[in-house]
């Protein structure tokens, strides 16, 4: 399938991507990811391997679009609301441990 990544056309196939990623250790995932085979890879790592371009030359969205079109499962980090901050009293109580009434 012909995909455009960083203004360059690439003829990518699912088997070609699987072969390219074979033997490559996944880096820690901090953003978007793609499942290739049974491993989760950062989307930018996969893009760098299959295009042989610097990661700054393309966006995660371009690679995600290409991987999805080839039939790979792509994931984005969950959009969970942040935990509310503890008040100074709650923080001190947590550090000292909860006291039990006698």
PDB file of N, CA and C in Angstrom:
ATOM      1  N   UNK A   1       0.841  -1.166   0.000  1.00  0.00           N
ATOM      2  CA  UNK A   1       0.000   0.000   0.000  1.00  0.00           C
ATOM      3  C   UNK A   1       0.895   1.241   0.000  1.00  0.00           C
ATOM      4  N   UNK A   2       0.532   2.204  -0.768  1.00  0.00           N
ATOM      5  CA  UNK A   2       1.318   3.429  -0.877  1.00  0.00           C
ATOM      6  C   UNK A   2       0.889   4.398   0.220  1.00  0.00           C
ATOM      7  N   UNK A   3       1.849   4.794   1.046  1.00  0.00           N
ATOM      8  CA  UNK A   3       1.595   5.713   2.151  1.00  0.00           C
ATOM      9  C   UNK A   3       2.570   6.880   2.058  1.00  0.00           C
ATOM     10  N   UNK A   4       2.100   8.071   2.384  1.00  0.00           N
ATOM     11  CA  UNK A   4       2.959   9.244   2.376  1.00  0.00           C
ATOM     12  C   UNK A   4       3.288   9.595   3.826  1.00  0.00           C
ATOM     13  N   UNK A   5       4.578   9.583   4.132  1.00  0.00           N
ATOM     14  CA  UNK A   5       5.057   9.940   5.464  1.00  0.00           C
ATOM     15  C   UNK A   5       6.164  10.966   5.273  1.00  0.00           C
ATOM     16  N   UNK A   6       6.020  12.112   5.897  1.00  0.00           N
ATOM     17  CA  UNK A   6       6.985  13.217   5.781  1.00  0.00           C
ATOM     18  C   UNK A   6       7.192  13.625   4.324  1.00  0.00           C
ATOM     19  N   UNK A   7       6.093  13.707   3.584  1.00  0.00           N
ATOM     20  CA  UNK A   7       6.077  14.119   2.177  1.00  0.00           C
ATOM     21  C   UNK A   7       6.799  13.154   1.241  1.00  0.00           C
ATOM     22  N   UNK A   8       7.150  11.951   1.719  1.00  0.00           N
ATOM     23  CA  UNK A   8       7.783  10.940   0.871  1.00  0.00           C
ATOM     24  C   UNK A   8       6.857   9.742   0.743  1.00  0.00           C
ATOM     25  N   UNK A   9       6.674   9.244  -0.487  1.00  0.00           N
ATOM     26  CA  UNK A   9       5.814   8.071  -0.659  1.00  0.00           C
ATOM     27  C   UNK A   9       6.572   6.775  -0.317  1.00  0.00           C
ATOM     28  N   UNK A  10       5.896   5.865   0.359  1.00  0.00           N
ATOM     29  CA  UNK A  10       6.456   4.565   0.711  1.00  0.00           C
ATOM     30  C   UNK A  10       5.470   3.484   0.310  1.00  0.00           C
ATOM     31  N   UNK A  11       5.977   2.412  -0.268  1.00  0.00           N
ATOM     32  CA  UNK A  11       5.152   1.247  -0.562  1.00  0.00           C
ATOM     33  C   UNK A  11       5.323   0.273   0.592  1.00  0.00           C
ATOM     34  N   UNK A  12       4.353   0.283   1.504  1.00  0.00           N
ATOM     35  CA  UNK A  12       4.434  -0.531   2.706  1.00  0.00           C
ATOM     36  C   UNK A  12       3.453  -1.691   2.631  1.00  0.00           C
ATOM     37  N   UNK A  13       3.867  -2.814   3.196  1.00  0.00           N
ATOM     38  CA  UNK A  13       2.985  -3.967   3.342  1.00  0.00           C
ATOM     39  C   UNK A  13       3.045  -4.412   4.795  1.00  0.00           C
ATOM     40  N   UNK A  14       2.001  -5.110   5.225  1.00  0.00           N
ATOM     41  CA  UNK A  14       1.973  -5.586   6.601  1.00  0.00           C
ATOM     42  C   UNK A  14       3.130  -6.546   6.853  1.00  0.00           C
ATOM     43  N   UNK A  15       3.383  -7.446   5.918  1.00  0.00           N
ATOM     44  CA  UNK A  15       4.480  -8.408   6.094  1.00  0.00           C
ATOM     45  C   UNK A  15       5.836  -7.698   6.076  1.00  0.00           C
ATOM     46  N   UNK A  16       5.965  -6.642   5.290  1.00  0.00           N
ATOM     47  CA  UNK A  16       7.207  -5.873   5.248  1.00  0.00           C
ATOM     48  C   UNK A  16       7.487  -5.176   6.567  1.00  0.00           C
ATOM     49  N   UNK A  17       6.439  -4.640   7.192  1.00  0.00           N
ATOM     50  CA  UNK A  17       6.599  -3.994   8.491  1.00  0.00           C
ATOM     51  C   UNK A  17       6.966  -5.036   9.545  1.00  0.00           C
ATOM     52  N   UNK A  18       6.296  -6.191   9.503  1.00  0.00           N
ATOM     53  CA  UNK A  18       6.615  -7.263  10.458  1.00  0.00           C
ATOM     54  C   UNK A  18       8.069  -7.706  10.320  1.00  0.00           C
ATOM     55  N   UNK A  19       8.540  -7.845   9.085  1.00  0.00           N
ATOM     56  CA  UNK A  19       9.933  -8.243   8.855  1.00  0.00           C
ATOM     57  C   UNK A  19      10.907  -7.169   9.333  1.00  0.00           C
ATOM     58  N   UNK A  20      10.569  -5.901   9.094  1.00  0.00           N
ATOM     59  CA  UNK A  20      11.450  -4.803   9.507  1.00  0.00           C
ATOM     60  C   UNK A  20      11.586  -4.725  11.023  1.00  0.00           C
ATOM     61  N   UNK A  21      10.513  -5.020  11.737  1.00  0.00           N
ATOM     62  CA  UNK A  21      10.513  -4.886  13.192  1.00  0.00           C
ATOM     63  C   UNK A  21      10.983  -6.155  13.896  1.00  0.00           C
ATOM     64  N   UNK A  22      11.197  -7.220  13.144  1.00  0.00           N
ATOM     65  CA  UNK A  22      11.645  -8.469  13.749  1.00  0.00           C
ATOM     66  C   UNK A  22      13.034  -8.272  14.367  1.00  0.00           C
ATOM     67  N   UNK A  23      13.176  -8.664  15.623  1.00  0.00           N
ATOM     68  CA  UNK A  23      14.460  -8.565  16.304  1.00  0.00           C
ATOM     69  C   UNK A  23      14.761  -7.206  16.902  1.00  0.00           C
ATOM     70  N   UNK A  24      13.843  -6.254  16.782  1.00  0.00           N
ATOM     71  CA  UNK A  24      14.062  -4.919  17.341  1.00  0.00           C
ATOM     72  C   UNK A  24      13.358  -4.835  18.693  1.00  0.00           C
ATOM     73  N   UNK A  25      14.114  -4.439  19.701  1.00  0.00           N
ATOM     74  CA  UNK A  25      13.591  -4.350  21.055  1.00  0.00           C
ATOM     75  C   UNK A  25      12.751  -3.085  21.207  1.00  0.00           C
ATOM     76  N   UNK A  26      11.532  -3.208  21.742  1.00  0.00           N
ATOM     77  CA  UNK A  26      10.694  -2.017  21.936  1.00  0.00           C
ATOM     78  C   UNK A  26      11.279  -1.068  22.973  1.00  0.00           C
ATOM     79  N   UNK A  27      11.190   0.209  22.685  1.00  0.00           N
ATOM     80  CA  UNK A  27      11.599   1.241  23.630  1.00  0.00           C
ATOM     81  C   UNK A  27      10.431   1.499  24.582  1.00  0.00           C
ATOM     82  N   UNK A  28      10.682   2.162  25.705  1.00  0.00           N
ATOM     83  CA  UNK A  28       9.566   2.501  26.610  1.00  0.00           C
ATOM     84  C   UNK A  28       8.539   3.378  25.895  1.00  0.00           C
ATOM     85  N   UNK A  29       7.284   3.116  26.159  1.00  0.00           N
ATOM     86  CA  UNK A  29       6.198   3.845  25.495  1.00  0.00           C
ATOM     87  C   UNK A  29       5.803   5.046  26.348  1.00  0.00           C
ATOM     88  N   UNK A  30       5.862   6.216  25.741  1.00  0.00           N
ATOM     89  CA  UNK A  30       5.478   7.446  26.432  1.00  0.00           C
ATOM     90  C   UNK A  30       4.319   8.162  25.742  1.00  0.00           C
ATOM     91  N   UNK A  31       3.951   7.730  24.562  1.00  0.00           N
ATOM     92  CA  UNK A  31       2.869   8.373  23.813  1.00  0.00           C
ATOM     93  C   UNK A  31       2.102   7.343  23.022  1.00  0.00           C
ATOM     94  N   UNK A  32       1.852   7.631  21.762  1.00  0.00           N
ATOM     95  CA  UNK A  32       1.131   6.710  20.890  1.00  0.00           C
ATOM     96  C   UNK A  32       1.944   5.437  20.680  1.00  0.00           C
ATOM     97  N   UNK A  33       1.232   4.314  20.504  1.00  0.00           N
ATOM     98  CA  UNK A  33       1.923   3.043  20.293  1.00  0.00           C
ATOM     99  C   UNK A  33       1.191   2.221  19.251  1.00  0.00           C
ATOM    100  N   UNK A  34       1.882   1.194  18.750  1.00  0.00           N
ATOM    101  CA  UNK A  34       1.320   0.280  17.762  1.00  0.00           C
ATOM    102  C   UNK A  34       1.722  -1.141  18.155  1.00  0.00           C
ATOM    103  N   UNK A  35       0.809  -2.074  17.929  1.00  0.00           N
ATOM    104  CA  UNK A  35       1.099  -3.472  18.212  1.00  0.00           C
ATOM    105  C   UNK A  35       1.572  -4.113  16.915  1.00  0.00           C
ATOM    106  N   UNK A  36       2.826  -4.572  16.913  1.00  0.00           N
ATOM    107  CA  UNK A  36       3.409  -5.253  15.752  1.00  0.00           C
ATOM    108  C   UNK A  36       3.764  -6.657  16.222  1.00  0.00           C
ATOM    109  N   UNK A  37       3.098  -7.645  15.640  1.00  0.00           N
ATOM    110  CA  UNK A  37       3.270  -8.998  16.139  1.00  0.00           C
ATOM    111  C   UNK A  37       2.618  -9.074  17.511  1.00  0.00           C
ATOM    112  N   UNK A  38       3.401  -9.452  18.522  1.00  0.00           N
ATOM    113  CA  UNK A  38       2.883  -9.488  19.886  1.00  0.00           C
ATOM    114  C   UNK A  38       3.523  -8.432  20.773  1.00  0.00           C
ATOM    115  N   UNK A  39       4.206  -7.480  20.170  1.00  0.00           N
ATOM    116  CA  UNK A  39       4.905  -6.455  20.933  1.00  0.00           C
ATOM    117  C   UNK A  39       4.295  -5.080  20.713  1.00  0.00           C
ATOM    118  N   UNK A  40       4.376  -4.263  21.753  1.00  0.00           N
ATOM    119  CA  UNK A  40       3.918  -2.870  21.685  1.00  0.00           C
ATOM    120  C   UNK A  40       5.143  -1.996  21.461  1.00  0.00           C
ATOM    121  N   UNK A  41       5.122  -1.215  20.403  1.00  0.00           N
ATOM    122  CA  UNK A  41       6.223  -0.310  20.059  1.00  0.00           C
ATOM    123  C   UNK A  41       5.726   1.128  20.077  1.00  0.00           C
ATOM    124  N   UNK A  42       6.582   2.077  20.460  1.00  0.00           N
ATOM    125  CA  UNK A  42       6.220   3.485  20.267  1.00  0.00           C
ATOM    126  C   UNK A  42       6.065   3.755  18.767  1.00  0.00           C
ATOM    127  N   UNK A  43       5.073   4.519  18.417  1.00  0.00           N
ATOM    128  CA  UNK A  43       4.765   4.758  16.999  1.00  0.00           C
ATOM    129  C   UNK A  43       5.932   5.421  16.283  1.00  0.00           C
ATOM    130  N   UNK A  44       6.664   6.306  16.960  1.00  0.00           N
ATOM    131  CA  UNK A  44       7.799   6.975  16.322  1.00  0.00           C
ATOM    132  C   UNK A  44       8.949   5.995  16.069  1.00  0.00           C
ATOM    133  N   UNK A  45       9.132   4.998  16.939  1.00  0.00           N
ATOM    134  CA  UNK A  45      10.183   4.006  16.723  1.00  0.00           C
ATOM    135  C   UNK A  45       9.875   3.200  15.455  1.00  0.00           C
ATOM    136  N   UNK A  46       8.639   2.788  15.297  1.00  0.00           N
ATOM    137  CA  UNK A  46       8.245   2.038  14.098  1.00  0.00           C
ATOM    138  C   UNK A  46       8.423   2.907  12.857  1.00  0.00           C
ATOM    139  N   UNK A  47       8.008   4.171  12.936  1.00  0.00           N
ATOM    140  CA  UNK A  47       8.169   5.072  11.802  1.00  0.00           C
ATOM    141  C   UNK A  47       9.621   5.245  11.396  1.00  0.00           C
ATOM    142  N   UNK A  48      10.507   5.362  12.386  1.00  0.00           N
ATOM    143  CA  UNK A  48      11.934   5.527  12.088  1.00  0.00           C
ATOM    144  C   UNK A  48      12.509   4.277  11.433  1.00  0.00           C
ATOM    145  N   UNK A  49      12.067   3.102  11.869  1.00  0.00           N
ATOM    146  CA  UNK A  49      12.592   1.853  11.307  1.00  0.00           C
ATOM    147  C   UNK A  49      12.098   1.642   9.877  1.00  0.00           C
ATOM    148  N   UNK A  50      10.809   1.836   9.646  1.00  0.00           N
ATOM    149  CA  UNK A  50      10.272   1.522   8.313  1.00  0.00           C
ATOM    150  C   UNK A  50      10.606   2.579   7.273  1.00  0.00           C
ATOM    151  N   UNK A  51      10.821   3.844   7.700  1.00  0.00           N
ATOM    152  CA  UNK A  51      11.126   4.894   6.720  1.00  0.00           C
ATOM    153  C   UNK A  51      12.614   5.218   6.639  1.00  0.00           C
ATOM    154  N   UNK A  52      13.380   4.804   7.653  1.00  0.00           N
ATOM    155  CA  UNK A  52      14.811   5.138   7.758  1.00  0.00           C
ATOM    156  C   UNK A  52      15.027   6.655   7.808  1.00  0.00           C
ATOM    157  N   UNK A  53      14.064   7.346   8.404  1.00  0.00           N
ATOM    158  CA  UNK A  53      14.160   8.791   8.549  1.00  0.00           C
ATOM    159  C   UNK A  53      14.299   9.126  10.029  1.00  0.00           C
ATOM    160  N   UNK A  54      14.780  10.324  10.295  1.00  0.00           N
ATOM    161  CA  UNK A  54      14.875  10.814  11.657  1.00  0.00           C
ATOM    162  C   UNK A  54      13.463  11.013  12.203  1.00  0.00           C
ATOM    163  N   UNK A  55      13.274  10.762  13.473  1.00  0.00           N
ATOM    164  CA  UNK A  55      11.949  10.861  14.090  1.00  0.00           C
ATOM    165  C   UNK A  55      11.390  12.271  14.064  1.00  0.00           C
ATOM    166  N   UNK A  56      12.248  13.266  13.937  1.00  0.00           N
ATOM    167  CA  UNK A  56      11.776  14.648  13.878  1.00  0.00           C
ATOM    168  C   UNK A  56      11.195  14.999  12.513  1.00  0.00           C
ATOM    169  N   UNK A  57      11.403  14.128  11.507  1.00  0.00           N
ATOM    170  CA  UNK A  57      10.968  14.437  10.145  1.00  0.00           C
ATOM    171  C   UNK A  57       9.506  14.079   9.877  1.00  0.00           C
ATOM    172  N   UNK A  58       8.873  13.310  10.756  1.00  0.00           N
ATOM    173  CA  UNK A  58       7.488  12.903  10.526  1.00  0.00           C
ATOM    174  C   UNK A  58       6.709  13.007  11.830  1.00  0.00           C
ATOM    175  N   UNK A  59       5.389  12.996  11.706  1.00  0.00           N
ATOM    176  CA  UNK A  59       4.542  13.079  12.892  1.00  0.00           C
ATOM    177  C   UNK A  59       4.030  11.692  13.268  1.00  0.00           C
ATOM    178  N   UNK A  60       3.631  11.556  14.509  1.00  0.00           N
ATOM    179  CA  UNK A  60       3.047  10.299  14.965  1.00  0.00           C
ATOM    180  C   UNK A  60       1.737  10.030  14.218  1.00  0.00           C
ATOM    181  N   UNK A  61       1.010  11.083  13.888  1.00  0.00           N
ATOM    182  CA  UNK A  61      -0.271  10.917  13.181  1.00  0.00           C
ATOM    183  C   UNK A  61      -0.071  10.305  11.796  1.00  0.00           C
ATOM    184  N   UNK A  62       0.992  10.692  11.102  1.00  0.00           N
ATOM    185  CA  UNK A  62       1.260  10.126   9.769  1.00  0.00           C
ATOM    186  C   UNK A  62       1.518   8.623   9.858  1.00  0.00           C
ATOM    187  N   UNK A  63       2.323   8.222  10.833  1.00  0.00           N
ATOM    188  CA  UNK A  63       2.641   6.800  10.973  1.00  0.00           C
ATOM    189  C   UNK A  63       1.422   6.028  11.481  1.00  0.00           C
ATOM    190  N   UNK A  64       0.680   6.626  12.397  1.00  0.00           N
ATOM    191  CA  UNK A  64      -0.539   5.981  12.902  1.00  0.00           C
ATOM    192  C   UNK A  64      -1.520   5.735  11.770  1.00  0.00           C
ATOM    193  N   UNK A  65      -1.689   6.719  10.901  1.00  0.00           N
ATOM    194  CA  UNK A  65      -2.606   6.575   9.767  1.00  0.00           C
ATOM    195  C   UNK A  65      -2.155   5.439   8.847  1.00  0.00           C
ATOM    196  N   UNK A  66      -0.845   5.359   8.585  1.00  0.00           N
ATOM    197  CA  UNK A  66      -0.326   4.300   7.710  1.00  0.00           C
ATOM    198  C   UNK A  66      -0.464   2.925   8.358  1.00  0.00           C
ATOM    199  N   UNK A  67      -0.134   2.823   9.652  1.00  0.00           N
ATOM    200  CA  UNK A  67      -0.210   1.525  10.346  1.00  0.00           C
ATOM    201  C   UNK A  67      -1.656   1.040  10.464  1.00  0.00           C
ATOM    202  N   UNK A  68      -2.580   1.970  10.711  1.00  0.00           N
ATOM    203  CA  UNK A  68      -3.991   1.603  10.787  1.00  0.00           C
ATOM    204  C   UNK A  68      -4.488   1.118   9.430  1.00  0.00           C
ATOM    205  N   UNK A  69      -4.071   1.781   8.365  1.00  0.00           N
ATOM    206  CA  UNK A  69      -4.475   1.368   7.017  1.00  0.00           C
ATOM    207  C   UNK A  69      -3.928  -0.018   6.667  1.00  0.00           C
ATOM    208  N   UNK A  70      -2.781  -0.372   7.230  1.00  0.00           N
ATOM    209  CA  UNK A  70      -2.206  -1.691   6.976  1.00  0.00           C
ATOM    210  C   UNK A  70      -2.814  -2.770   7.863  1.00  0.00           C
ATOM    211  N   UNK A  71      -3.634  -2.385   8.828  1.00  0.00           N
ATOM    212  CA  UNK A  71      -4.317  -3.356   9.668  1.00  0.00           C
ATOM    213  C   UNK A  71      -3.706  -3.561  11.043  1.00  0.00           C
ATOM    214  N   UNK A  72      -2.772  -2.699  11.444  1.00  0.00           N
ATOM    215  CA  UNK A  72      -2.181  -2.804  12.776  1.00  0.00           C
ATOM    216  C   UNK A  72      -3.056  -2.067  13.784  1.00  0.00           C
ATOM    217  N   UNK A  73      -2.986  -2.494  15.044  1.00  0.00           N
ATOM    218  CA  UNK A  73      -3.731  -1.836  16.116  1.00  0.00           C
ATOM    219  C   UNK A  73      -2.873  -0.733  16.713  1.00  0.00           C
ATOM    220  N   UNK A  74      -3.383   0.493  16.666  1.00  0.00           N
ATOM    221  CA  UNK A  74      -2.669   1.642  17.220  1.00  0.00           C
ATOM    222  C   UNK A  74      -3.425   2.134  18.444  1.00  0.00           C
ATOM    223  N   UNK A  75      -2.653   2.565  19.433  1.00  0.00           N
ATOM    224  CA  UNK A  75      -3.254   3.044  20.680  1.00  0.00           C
ATOM    225  C   UNK A  75      -2.686   4.400  21.039  1.00  0.00           C
ATOM    226  N   UNK A  76      -3.547   5.226  21.662  1.00  0.00           N
ATOM    227  CA  UNK A  76      -3.108   6.512  22.187  1.00  0.00           C
ATOM    228  C   UNK A  76      -3.184   6.434  23.707  1.00  0.00           C
ATOM    229  N   UNK A  77      -2.396   7.229  24.421  1.00  0.00           N
ATOM    230  CA  UNK A  77      -2.474   7.189  25.881  1.00  0.00           C
ATOM    231  C   UNK A  77      -3.869   7.569  26.351  1.00  0.00           C
ATOM    232  N   UNK A  78      -4.314   6.931  27.416  1.00  0.00           N
ATOM    233  CA  UNK A  78      -5.666   7.206  27.904  1.00  0.00           C
ATOM    234  C   UNK A  78      -5.755   8.630  28.435  1.00  0.00           C
ATOM    235  N   UNK A  79      -6.887   9.198  28.237  1.00  0.00           N
ATOM    236  CA  UNK A  79      -7.121  10.584  28.640  1.00  0.00           C
ATOM    237  C   UNK A  79      -7.818  10.605  30.001  1.00  0.00           C
ATOM    238  N   UNK A  80      -7.161  10.077  31.033  1.00  0.00           N
ATOM    239  CA  UNK A  80      -7.740  10.062  32.370  1.00  0.00           C
ATOM    240  C   UNK A  80      -7.483  11.408  33.042  1.00  0.00           C
ATOM    241  N   UNK A  81      -8.458  11.879  33.814  1.00  0.00           N
ATOM    242  CA  UNK A  81      -8.223  13.139  34.529  1.00  0.00           C
ATOM    243  C   UNK A  81      -7.171  12.926  35.604  1.00  0.00           C
ATOM    244  N   UNK A  82      -6.360  13.929  35.858  1.00  0.00           N
ATOM    245  CA  UNK A  82      -5.316  13.773  36.880  1.00  0.00           C
ATOM    246  C   UNK A  82      -5.923  13.630  38.268  1.00  0.00           C
ATOM    247  N   UNK A  83      -5.207  12.949  39.125  1.00  0.00           N
ATOM    248  CA  UNK A  83      -5.654  12.782  40.509  1.00  0.00           C
ATOM    249  C   UNK A  83      -5.624  14.152  41.188  1.00  0.00           C
ATOM    250  N   UNK A  84      -6.613  14.428  42.060  1.00  0.00           N
ATOM    251  CA  UNK A  84      -6.582  15.713  42.753  1.00  0.00           C
ATOM    252  C   UNK A  84      -5.412  15.746  43.734  1.00  0.00           C
ATOM    253  N   UNK A  85      -4.822  16.908  43.876  1.00  0.00           N
ATOM    254  CA  UNK A  85      -3.673  17.070  44.767  1.00  0.00           C
ATOM    255  C   UNK A  85      -4.137  16.978  46.219  1.00  0.00           C
ATOM    256  N   UNK A  86      -3.267  16.403  47.056  1.00  0.00           N
ATOM    257  CA  UNK A  86      -3.574  16.318  48.476  1.00  0.00           C
ATOM    258  C   UNK A  86      -3.354  17.671  49.138  1.00  0.00           C
ATOM    259  N   UNK A  87      -4.176  17.940  50.144  1.00  0.00           N
ATOM    260  CA  UNK A  87      -3.958  19.155  50.937  1.00  0.00           C
ATOM    261  C   UNK A  87      -2.738  18.914  51.819  1.00  0.00           C
ATOM    262  N   UNK A  88      -2.127  19.964  52.344  1.00  0.00           N
ATOM    263  CA  UNK A  88      -0.970  19.767  53.227  1.00  0.00           C
ATOM    264  C   UNK A  88      -1.294  18.843  54.411  1.00  0.00           C
ATOM    265  N   UNK A  89      -2.496  18.945  54.973  1.00  0.00           N
ATOM    266  CA  UNK A  89      -2.882  18.099  56.099  1.00  0.00           C
ATOM    267  C   UNK A  89      -2.989  16.638  55.666  1.00  0.00           C
ATOM    268  N   UNK A  90      -3.627  16.398  54.508  1.00  0.00           N
ATOM    269  CA  UNK A  90      -3.748  15.024  53.999  1.00  0.00           C
ATOM    270  C   UNK A  90      -2.378  14.447  53.662  1.00  0.00           C
ATOM    271  N   UNK A  91      -1.490  15.264  53.120  1.00  0.00           N
ATOM    272  CA  UNK A  91      -0.143  14.809  52.785  1.00  0.00           C
ATOM    273  C   UNK A  91       0.626  14.418  54.042  1.00  0.00           C
ATOM    274  N   UNK A  92       0.556  15.252  55.081  1.00  0.00           N
ATOM    275  CA  UNK A  92       1.237  14.957  56.341  1.00  0.00           C
ATOM    276  C   UNK A  92       0.677  13.690  56.977  1.00  0.00           C
ATOM    277  N   UNK A  93      -0.632  13.543  56.931  1.00  0.00           N
ATOM    278  CA  UNK A  93      -1.266  12.353  57.494  1.00  0.00           C
ATOM    279  C   UNK A  93      -0.814  11.102  56.764  1.00  0.00           C
ATOM    280  N   UNK A  94      -0.707  11.193  55.446  1.00  0.00           N
ATOM    281  CA  UNK A  94      -0.269  10.039  54.653  1.00  0.00           C
ATOM    282  C   UNK A  94       1.181   9.690  54.946  1.00  0.00           C
ATOM    283  N   UNK A  95       2.026  10.713  55.145  1.00  0.00           N
ATOM    284  CA  UNK A  95       3.432  10.460  55.452  1.00  0.00           C
ATOM    285  C   UNK A  95       3.630   9.860  56.833  1.00  0.00           C
ATOM    286  N   UNK A  96       2.840  10.311  57.807  1.00  0.00           N
ATOM    287  CA  UNK A  96       2.968   9.826  59.182  1.00  0.00           C
ATOM    288  C   UNK A  96       2.217   8.511  59.412  1.00  0.00           C
ATOM    289  N   UNK A  97       1.305   8.200  58.554  1.00  0.00           N
ATOM    290  CA  UNK A  97       0.484   7.002  58.726  1.00  0.00           C
ATOM    291  C   UNK A  97      -0.758   7.356  59.523  1.00  0.00           C
ATOM    292  N   UNK A  98      -1.807   6.665  59.224  1.00  0.00           N
ATOM    293  CA  UNK A  98      -3.065   6.957  59.897  1.00  0.00           C
ATOM    294  C   UNK A  98      -3.029   6.432  61.325  1.00  0.00           C
ATOM    295  N   UNK A  99      -3.492   7.242  62.241  1.00  0.00           N
ATOM    296  CA  UNK A  99      -3.542   6.785  63.629  1.00  0.00           C
ATOM    297  C   UNK A  99      -4.855   6.072  63.882  1.00  0.00           C
ATOM    298  N   UNK A 100      -4.810   5.080  64.755  1.00  0.00           N
ATOM    299  CA  UNK A 100      -6.025   4.339  65.078  1.00  0.00           C
ATOM    300  C   UNK A 100      -6.461   4.703  66.480  1.00  0.00           C
ATOM    301  N   UNK A 101      -7.731   5.024  66.680  1.00  0.00           N
ATOM    302  CA  UNK A 101      -8.203   5.386  68.012  1.00  0.00           C
ATOM    303  C   UNK A 101      -8.134   4.180  68.938  1.00  0.00           C
ATOM    304  N   UNK A 102      -7.827   4.438  70.236  1.00  0.00           N
ATOM    305  CA  UNK A 102      -7.693   3.352  71.232  1.00  0.00           C
ATOM    306  C   UNK A 102      -8.968   3.137  71.962  1.00  0.00           C
TER     307      UNK A 102
END
